[in-house]
Amino acid sequence: MLIWIVLIIVPMLFGLYAQMKIRSAYGRNVQIPSRGGIRGVEAAQAVMRSAGITDVEIVEVPGELSDHYDPMHKRLALSHDNYHGTSLAALGVAAHEAGHAIQHKVGYSMMSVRQTLAPATQIAAGVANFVLIAGILLISSSFGGTLLMFGAIALGLICLFQFVTLPVEFDASRRAKAQLVNLGIVDSDEMEGVHETLDAAALTYVAAFVAALGSLLHIVMLLTGRRDD
């Protein structure tokens, strides 16, 4: 029971905390306008331009915190508030996504690994829950053990993907923070709001990795216990 709490409940609570943290940090700093009044889309353009990137399209997408960089189509997507906004949160998020575009341009190795893993990880994420639930229900049979093994492989791939994502996200934030100050988009004394927003966002990726690792260890323990029986 204690092990189940450590592997499943604790990561779940950590994930909820991380989501609350990013919502709180973003909600607070999206209300604080930057002195320069530069919009998120302009900040992203400036950061990419400083790295010699001129072939990435910046588009507005619906939703909140739906921002992302699509390396396949060289498209940087910003949510409405971050595309048009001049807040510290908007500038931080926009520069962070531009950081991913820079990673793509310079051939950042961990981003390349992440891109390679992405297609297989999407498939694994789509089948993992079904396979694991079926395997747990049929755990007393040999077929249940086989399903659990396939589920463990899927979780292992997801876990690896989440692990590789960590340095990719941390590096993008590092690039973003440096460029915002170097380009004069944000004054150094305004960076606290940027730090808070991006650090809270990074915590969500840590939580995702911890959750995936906890689930993987749980299934491995089930398989090990089944063999001992």
C-alpha atoms as a PDB file:
ATOM      1  CA  MET A   1       0.000   0.000   0.000  1.00  0.00           C
ATOM      2  CA  LEU A   2       2.804   2.405   0.903  1.00  0.00           C
ATOM      3  CA  ILE A   3       4.639   1.697  -2.344  1.00  0.00           C
ATOM      4  CA  TRP A   4       1.429   2.285  -4.326  1.00  0.00           C
ATOM      5  CA  ILE A   5       1.013   5.658  -2.609  1.00  0.00           C
ATOM      6  CA  VAL A   6       4.622   6.634  -3.365  1.00  0.00           C
ATOM      7  CA  LEU A   7       4.502   5.553  -7.018  1.00  0.00           C
ATOM      8  CA  ILE A   8       0.992   6.668  -7.968  1.00  0.00           C
ATOM      9  CA  ILE A   9      -0.564   9.076  -5.469  1.00  0.00           C
ATOM     10  CA  VAL A  10       2.515  11.233  -4.805  1.00  0.00           C
ATOM     11  CA  PRO A  11       3.242  11.842  -8.533  1.00  0.00           C
ATOM     12  CA  MET A  12      -0.463  12.611  -9.057  1.00  0.00           C
ATOM     13  CA  LEU A  13      -0.427  15.195  -6.275  1.00  0.00           C
ATOM     14  CA  PHE A  14       2.836  16.610  -7.602  1.00  0.00           C
ATOM     15  CA  GLY A  15       1.242  16.964 -11.033  1.00  0.00           C
ATOM     16  CA  LEU A  16      -1.745  18.805  -9.571  1.00  0.00           C
ATOM     17  CA  TYR A  17       0.601  21.100  -7.666  1.00  0.00           C
ATOM     18  CA  ALA A  18       2.590  21.824 -10.851  1.00  0.00           C
ATOM     19  CA  GLN A  19      -0.599  22.689 -12.735  1.00  0.00           C
ATOM     20  CA  MET A  20      -1.729  24.998  -9.937  1.00  0.00           C
ATOM     21  CA  LYS A  21       1.733  26.591  -9.886  1.00  0.00           C
ATOM     22  CA  ILE A  22       1.788  27.421 -13.601  1.00  0.00           C
ATOM     23  CA  ARG A  23      -1.797  28.676 -13.549  1.00  0.00           C
ATOM     24  CA  SER A  24      -0.999  30.910 -10.591  1.00  0.00           C
ATOM     25  CA  ALA A  25       2.312  32.203 -11.969  1.00  0.00           C
ATOM     26  CA  TYR A  26       0.947  32.788 -15.459  1.00  0.00           C
ATOM     27  CA  GLY A  27      -2.282  34.336 -14.179  1.00  0.00           C
ATOM     28  CA  ARG A  28      -0.325  36.771 -12.032  1.00  0.00           C
ATOM     29  CA  ASN A  29       2.301  37.795 -14.590  1.00  0.00           C
ATOM     30  CA  VAL A  30      -0.061  38.027 -17.548  1.00  0.00           C
ATOM     31  CA  GLN A  31      -1.529  40.988 -15.685  1.00  0.00           C
ATOM     32  CA  ILE A  32       1.835  42.806 -15.490  1.00  0.00           C
ATOM     33  CA  PRO A  33       2.625  44.777 -18.660  1.00  0.00           C
ATOM     34  CA  SER A  34       6.254  45.172 -19.691  1.00  0.00           C
ATOM     35  CA  ARG A  35       7.670  48.688 -19.830  1.00  0.00           C
ATOM     36  CA  GLY A  36       8.660  48.356 -23.464  1.00  0.00           C
ATOM     37  CA  GLY A  37       5.145  47.475 -24.596  1.00  0.00           C
ATOM     38  CA  ILE A  38       6.445  44.903 -27.071  1.00  0.00           C
ATOM     39  CA  ARG A  39       3.919  42.221 -28.054  1.00  0.00           C
ATOM     40  CA  GLY A  40       4.641  38.541 -27.717  1.00  0.00           C
ATOM     41  CA  VAL A  41       4.684  38.019 -31.480  1.00  0.00           C
ATOM     42  CA  GLU A  42       7.215  40.842 -31.843  1.00  0.00           C
ATOM     43  CA  ALA A  43       9.386  39.378 -29.090  1.00  0.00           C
ATOM     44  CA  ALA A  44       9.391  35.974 -30.783  1.00  0.00           C
ATOM     45  CA  GLN A  45      10.307  37.596 -34.097  1.00  0.00           C
ATOM     46  CA  ALA A  46      13.149  39.555 -32.492  1.00  0.00           C
ATOM     47  CA  VAL A  47      14.583  36.512 -30.708  1.00  0.00           C
ATOM     48  CA  MET A  48      14.501  34.412 -33.884  1.00  0.00           C
ATOM     49  CA  ARG A  49      15.841  37.239 -36.026  1.00  0.00           C
ATOM     50  CA  SER A  50      18.820  37.615 -33.679  1.00  0.00           C
ATOM     51  CA  ALA A  51      19.641  33.970 -34.421  1.00  0.00           C
ATOM     52  CA  GLY A  52      19.271  34.464 -38.179  1.00  0.00           C
ATOM     53  CA  ILE A  53      15.910  32.690 -38.398  1.00  0.00           C
ATOM     54  CA  THR A  54      13.596  34.187 -41.011  1.00  0.00           C
ATOM     55  CA  ASP A  55      11.693  31.160 -42.317  1.00  0.00           C
ATOM     56  CA  VAL A  56       9.523  30.336 -39.272  1.00  0.00           C
ATOM     57  CA  GLU A  57       5.860  31.316 -39.452  1.00  0.00           C
ATOM     58  CA  ILE A  58       4.253  32.706 -36.293  1.00  0.00           C
ATOM     59  CA  VAL A  59       0.547  31.972 -35.976  1.00  0.00           C
ATOM     60  CA  GLU A  60      -2.154  32.618 -33.392  1.00  0.00           C
ATOM     61  CA  VAL A  61      -3.934  29.560 -31.974  1.00  0.00           C
ATOM     62  CA  PRO A  62      -6.973  29.223 -29.686  1.00  0.00           C
ATOM     63  CA  GLY A  63      -6.777  28.221 -26.048  1.00  0.00           C
ATOM     64  CA  GLU A  64      -4.733  29.243 -23.030  1.00  0.00           C
ATOM     65  CA  LEU A  65      -1.121  28.095 -22.722  1.00  0.00           C
ATOM     66  CA  SER A  66      -1.530  26.239 -26.014  1.00  0.00           C
ATOM     67  CA  ASP A  67       1.744  27.738 -27.249  1.00  0.00           C
ATOM     68  CA  HIS A  68       4.188  25.441 -29.027  1.00  0.00           C
ATOM     69  CA  TYR A  69       6.804  25.186 -31.755  1.00  0.00           C
ATOM     70  CA  ASP A  70       6.227  22.775 -34.640  1.00  0.00           C
ATOM     71  CA  PRO A  71       9.627  21.816 -36.110  1.00  0.00           C
ATOM     72  CA  MET A  72       8.058  19.752 -38.908  1.00  0.00           C
ATOM     73  CA  HIS A  73       6.332  22.774 -40.428  1.00  0.00           C
ATOM     74  CA  LYS A  74       8.596  25.491 -38.954  1.00  0.00           C
ATOM     75  CA  ARG A  75       5.618  27.086 -37.273  1.00  0.00           C
ATOM     76  CA  LEU A  76       5.580  28.886 -33.939  1.00  0.00           C
ATOM     77  CA  ALA A  77       2.096  28.953 -32.404  1.00  0.00           C
ATOM     78  CA  LEU A  78       1.104  31.462 -29.736  1.00  0.00           C
ATOM     79  CA  SER A  79      -2.192  31.649 -27.856  1.00  0.00           C
ATOM     80  CA  HIS A  80      -4.178  34.888 -28.129  1.00  0.00           C
ATOM     81  CA  ASP A  81      -2.923  36.454 -24.892  1.00  0.00           C
ATOM     82  CA  ASN A  82       0.688  35.637 -25.664  1.00  0.00           C
ATOM     83  CA  TYR A  83       0.499  36.635 -29.336  1.00  0.00           C
ATOM     84  CA  HIS A  84      -1.020  40.063 -28.743  1.00  0.00           C
ATOM     85  CA  GLY A  85      -0.098  40.626 -25.099  1.00  0.00           C
ATOM     86  CA  THR A  86       2.722  42.791 -23.773  1.00  0.00           C
ATOM     87  CA  SER A  87       2.804  41.183 -20.333  1.00  0.00           C
ATOM     88  CA  LEU A  88       5.855  39.623 -18.706  1.00  0.00           C
ATOM     89  CA  ALA A  89       4.205  36.214 -19.011  1.00  0.00           C
ATOM     90  CA  ALA A  90       3.453  36.701 -22.713  1.00  0.00           C
ATOM     91  CA  LEU A  91       7.004  37.791 -23.486  1.00  0.00           C
ATOM     92  CA  GLY A  92       8.475  34.900 -21.505  1.00  0.00           C
ATOM     93  CA  VAL A  93       6.341  32.281 -23.219  1.00  0.00           C
ATOM     94  CA  ALA A  94       6.861  33.763 -26.695  1.00  0.00           C
ATOM     95  CA  ALA A  95      10.631  33.923 -26.225  1.00  0.00           C
ATOM     96  CA  HIS A  96      10.624  30.358 -24.870  1.00  0.00           C
ATOM     97  CA  GLU A  97       8.949  29.061 -28.028  1.00  0.00           C
ATOM     98  CA  ALA A  98      11.412  31.069 -30.102  1.00  0.00           C
ATOM     99  CA  GLY A  99      14.108  29.292 -28.101  1.00  0.00           C
ATOM    100  CA  HIS A 100      12.825  26.007 -29.531  1.00  0.00           C
ATOM    101  CA  ALA A 101      13.140  27.453 -33.035  1.00  0.00           C
ATOM    102  CA  ILE A 102      16.765  28.316 -32.266  1.00  0.00           C
ATOM    103  CA  GLN A 103      17.352  24.768 -31.005  1.00  0.00           C
ATOM    104  CA  HIS A 104      15.972  23.478 -34.295  1.00  0.00           C
ATOM    105  CA  LYS A 105      18.213  25.752 -36.332  1.00  0.00           C
ATOM    106  CA  VAL A 106      21.423  24.905 -34.475  1.00  0.00           C
ATOM    107  CA  GLY A 107      20.613  21.182 -34.377  1.00  0.00           C
ATOM    108  CA  TYR A 108      20.340  20.885 -30.609  1.00  0.00           C
ATOM    109  CA  SER A 109      20.887  17.169 -30.042  1.00  0.00           C
ATOM    110  CA  MET A 110      18.241  16.535 -27.382  1.00  0.00           C
ATOM    111  CA  MET A 111      15.586  18.188 -29.525  1.00  0.00           C
ATOM    112  CA  SER A 112      16.544  15.871 -32.385  1.00  0.00           C
ATOM    113  CA  VAL A 113      16.208  12.858 -30.087  1.00  0.00           C
ATOM    114  CA  ARG A 114      12.831  14.135 -28.903  1.00  0.00           C
ATOM    115  CA  GLN A 115      11.611  14.530 -32.488  1.00  0.00           C
ATOM    116  CA  THR A 116      12.759  10.989 -33.290  1.00  0.00           C
ATOM    117  CA  LEU A 117      10.876   9.568 -30.305  1.00  0.00           C
ATOM    118  CA  ALA A 118       7.696  11.604 -30.821  1.00  0.00           C
ATOM    119  CA  PRO A 119       5.845   9.390 -33.392  1.00  0.00           C
ATOM    120  CA  ALA A 120       6.375   6.158 -31.453  1.00  0.00           C
ATOM    121  CA  THR A 121       5.521   7.916 -28.181  1.00  0.00           C
ATOM    122  CA  GLN A 122       2.190   9.089 -29.596  1.00  0.00           C
ATOM    123  CA  ILE A 123       1.313   5.499 -30.476  1.00  0.00           C
ATOM    124  CA  ALA A 124       2.454   4.264 -27.055  1.00  0.00           C
ATOM    125  CA  ALA A 125       0.371   6.912 -25.274  1.00  0.00           C
ATOM    126  CA  GLY A 126      -2.676   5.889 -27.301  1.00  0.00           C
ATOM    127  CA  VAL A 127      -2.540   2.206 -26.347  1.00  0.00           C
ATOM    128  CA  ALA A 128      -0.828   2.197 -22.934  1.00  0.00           C
ATOM    129  CA  ASN A 129      -3.880   2.724 -20.727  1.00  0.00           C
ATOM    130  CA  PHE A 130      -6.016   0.139 -22.518  1.00  0.00           C
ATOM    131  CA  VAL A 131      -3.247  -2.483 -22.472  1.00  0.00           C
ATOM    132  CA  LEU A 132      -2.385  -1.850 -18.821  1.00  0.00           C
ATOM    133  CA  ILE A 133      -5.983  -1.956 -17.590  1.00  0.00           C
ATOM    134  CA  ALA A 134      -6.594  -5.183 -19.485  1.00  0.00           C
ATOM    135  CA  GLY A 135      -3.347  -6.621 -18.174  1.00  0.00           C
ATOM    136  CA  ILE A 136      -4.192  -5.800 -14.553  1.00  0.00           C
ATOM    137  CA  LEU A 137      -7.676  -7.308 -14.899  1.00  0.00           C
ATOM    138  CA  LEU A 138      -6.202 -10.488 -16.409  1.00  0.00           C
ATOM    139  CA  ILE A 139      -3.061 -10.519 -14.278  1.00  0.00           C
ATOM    140  CA  SER A 140      -3.605 -14.105 -13.101  1.00  0.00           C
ATOM    141  CA  SER A 141      -3.389 -15.411 -16.671  1.00  0.00           C
ATOM    142  CA  SER A 142      -0.414 -15.645 -18.999  1.00  0.00           C
ATOM    143  CA  PHE A 143      -2.179 -13.311 -21.443  1.00  0.00           C
ATOM    144  CA  GLY A 144      -2.439 -10.705 -18.681  1.00  0.00           C
ATOM    145  CA  GLY A 145       1.296 -10.930 -18.099  1.00  0.00           C
ATOM    146  CA  THR A 146       1.929 -10.418 -21.797  1.00  0.00           C
ATOM    147  CA  LEU A 147      -0.303  -7.352 -21.838  1.00  0.00           C
ATOM    148  CA  LEU A 148       1.488  -5.940 -18.805  1.00  0.00           C
ATOM    149  CA  MET A 149       4.810  -6.464 -20.542  1.00  0.00           C
ATOM    150  CA  PHE A 150       3.621  -4.551 -23.591  1.00  0.00           C
ATOM    151  CA  GLY A 151       2.252  -1.866 -21.273  1.00  0.00           C
ATOM    152  CA  ALA A 152       5.604  -1.620 -19.506  1.00  0.00           C
ATOM    153  CA  ILE A 153       7.364  -1.164 -22.851  1.00  0.00           C
ATOM    154  CA  ALA A 154       4.905   1.590 -23.811  1.00  0.00           C
ATOM    155  CA  LEU A 155       5.385   3.308 -20.444  1.00  0.00           C
ATOM    156  CA  GLY A 156       9.145   2.972 -20.790  1.00  0.00           C
ATOM    157  CA  LEU A 157       9.009   4.797 -24.117  1.00  0.00           C
ATOM    158  CA  ILE A 158       6.768   7.509 -22.661  1.00  0.00           C
ATOM    159  CA  CYS A 159       9.103   7.848 -19.683  1.00  0.00           C
ATOM    160  CA  LEU A 160      12.135   8.186 -21.966  1.00  0.00           C
ATOM    161  CA  PHE A 161      10.335  10.837 -24.021  1.00  0.00           C
ATOM    162  CA  GLN A 162       9.452  12.826 -20.888  1.00  0.00           C
ATOM    163  CA  PHE A 163      13.031  12.533 -19.662  1.00  0.00           C
ATOM    164  CA  VAL A 164      14.460  13.829 -22.946  1.00  0.00           C
ATOM    165  CA  THR A 165      11.897  16.662 -22.897  1.00  0.00           C
ATOM    166  CA  LEU A 166      13.381  18.085 -19.682  1.00  0.00           C
ATOM    167  CA  PRO A 167      16.692  19.389 -21.096  1.00  0.00           C
ATOM    168  CA  VAL A 168      14.878  20.597 -24.228  1.00  0.00           C
ATOM    169  CA  GLU A 169      12.502  22.744 -22.177  1.00  0.00           C
ATOM    170  CA  PHE A 170      15.148  23.957 -19.717  1.00  0.00           C
ATOM    171  CA  ASP A 171      17.469  24.960 -22.552  1.00  0.00           C
ATOM    172  CA  ALA A 172      14.702  26.829 -24.403  1.00  0.00           C
ATOM    173  CA  SER A 173      13.914  28.812 -21.242  1.00  0.00           C
ATOM    174  CA  ARG A 174      17.605  29.573 -20.712  1.00  0.00           C
ATOM    175  CA  ARG A 175      17.882  30.934 -24.243  1.00  0.00           C
ATOM    176  CA  ALA A 176      14.660  32.920 -23.828  1.00  0.00           C
ATOM    177  CA  LYS A 177      15.710  34.589 -20.578  1.00  0.00           C
ATOM    178  CA  ALA A 178      19.084  35.593 -21.962  1.00  0.00           C
ATOM    179  CA  GLN A 179      17.703  37.013 -25.203  1.00  0.00           C
ATOM    180  CA  LEU A 180      14.916  39.012 -23.566  1.00  0.00           C
ATOM    181  CA  VAL A 181      17.518  41.004 -21.654  1.00  0.00           C
ATOM    182  CA  ASN A 182      20.214  41.080 -24.347  1.00  0.00           C
ATOM    183  CA  LEU A 183      17.773  42.452 -26.935  1.00  0.00           C
ATOM    184  CA  GLY A 184      16.327  45.014 -24.522  1.00  0.00           C
ATOM    185  CA  ILE A 185      12.838  43.519 -24.735  1.00  0.00           C
ATOM    186  CA  VAL A 186      12.612  43.297 -20.961  1.00  0.00           C
ATOM    187  CA  ASP A 187      14.614  45.246 -18.379  1.00  0.00           C
ATOM    188  CA  SER A 188      16.659  43.162 -15.961  1.00  0.00           C
ATOM    189  CA  ASP A 189      14.519  44.233 -13.001  1.00  0.00           C
ATOM    190  CA  GLU A 190      11.416  42.925 -14.803  1.00  0.00           C
ATOM    191  CA  MET A 191      12.847  39.444 -15.202  1.00  0.00           C
ATOM    192  CA  GLU A 192      11.404  38.177 -11.934  1.00  0.00           C
ATOM    193  CA  GLY A 193       8.002  37.770 -13.565  1.00  0.00           C
ATOM    194  CA  VAL A 194       9.553  35.987 -16.557  1.00  0.00           C
ATOM    195  CA  HIS A 195      11.543  33.671 -14.291  1.00  0.00           C
ATOM    196  CA  GLU A 196       8.472  32.833 -12.244  1.00  0.00           C
ATOM    197  CA  THR A 197       6.378  32.002 -15.310  1.00  0.00           C
ATOM    198  CA  LEU A 198       8.962  29.882 -17.120  1.00  0.00           C
ATOM    199  CA  ASP A 199      10.172  28.098 -13.979  1.00  0.00           C
ATOM    200  CA  ALA A 200       6.579  27.161 -13.129  1.00  0.00           C
ATOM    201  CA  ALA A 201       6.087  25.874 -16.676  1.00  0.00           C
ATOM    202  CA  ALA A 202       9.244  23.776 -16.363  1.00  0.00           C
ATOM    203  CA  LEU A 203       7.838  22.196 -13.207  1.00  0.00           C
ATOM    204  CA  THR A 204       4.958  20.722 -15.214  1.00  0.00           C
ATOM    205  CA  TYR A 205       7.457  18.809 -17.376  1.00  0.00           C
ATOM    206  CA  VAL A 206       9.222  17.506 -14.278  1.00  0.00           C
ATOM    207  CA  ALA A 207       5.841  16.375 -12.920  1.00  0.00           C
ATOM    208  CA  ALA A 208       5.029  14.587 -16.184  1.00  0.00           C
ATOM    209  CA  PHE A 209       8.318  12.680 -16.022  1.00  0.00           C
ATOM    210  CA  VAL A 210       7.810  11.750 -12.361  1.00  0.00           C
ATOM    211  CA  ALA A 211       4.285  10.494 -13.129  1.00  0.00           C
ATOM    212  CA  ALA A 212       5.496   8.394 -16.062  1.00  0.00           C
ATOM    213  CA  LEU A 213       8.360   6.964 -14.013  1.00  0.00           C
ATOM    214  CA  GLY A 214       6.067   6.132 -11.095  1.00  0.00           C
ATOM    215  CA  SER A 215       3.626   4.308 -13.371  1.00  0.00           C
ATOM    216  CA  LEU A 216       6.459   2.377 -15.029  1.00  0.00           C
ATOM    217  CA  LEU A 217       7.914   1.261 -11.683  1.00  0.00           C
ATOM    218  CA  HIS A 218       4.442   0.226 -10.517  1.00  0.00           C
ATOM    219  CA  ILE A 219       3.940  -2.040 -13.535  1.00  0.00           C
ATOM    220  CA  VAL A 220       7.449  -3.462 -13.213  1.00  0.00           C
ATOM    221  CA  MET A 221       6.674  -4.358  -9.602  1.00  0.00           C
ATOM    222  CA  LEU A 222       3.446  -6.060 -10.665  1.00  0.00           C
ATOM    223  CA  LEU A 223       5.348  -8.085 -13.240  1.00  0.00           C
ATOM    224  CA  THR A 224       8.065  -8.971 -10.734  1.00  0.00           C
ATOM    225  CA  GLY A 225       5.525 -10.016  -8.110  1.00  0.00           C
ATOM    226  CA  ARG A 226       3.688 -12.098 -10.670  1.00  0.00           C
ATOM    227  CA  ARG A 227       6.885 -13.997 -11.557  1.00  0.00           C
ATOM    228  CA  ASP A 228       7.627 -14.592  -7.866  1.00  0.00           C
ATOM    229  CA  ASP A 229       4.206 -16.197  -7.519  1.00  0.00           C
END
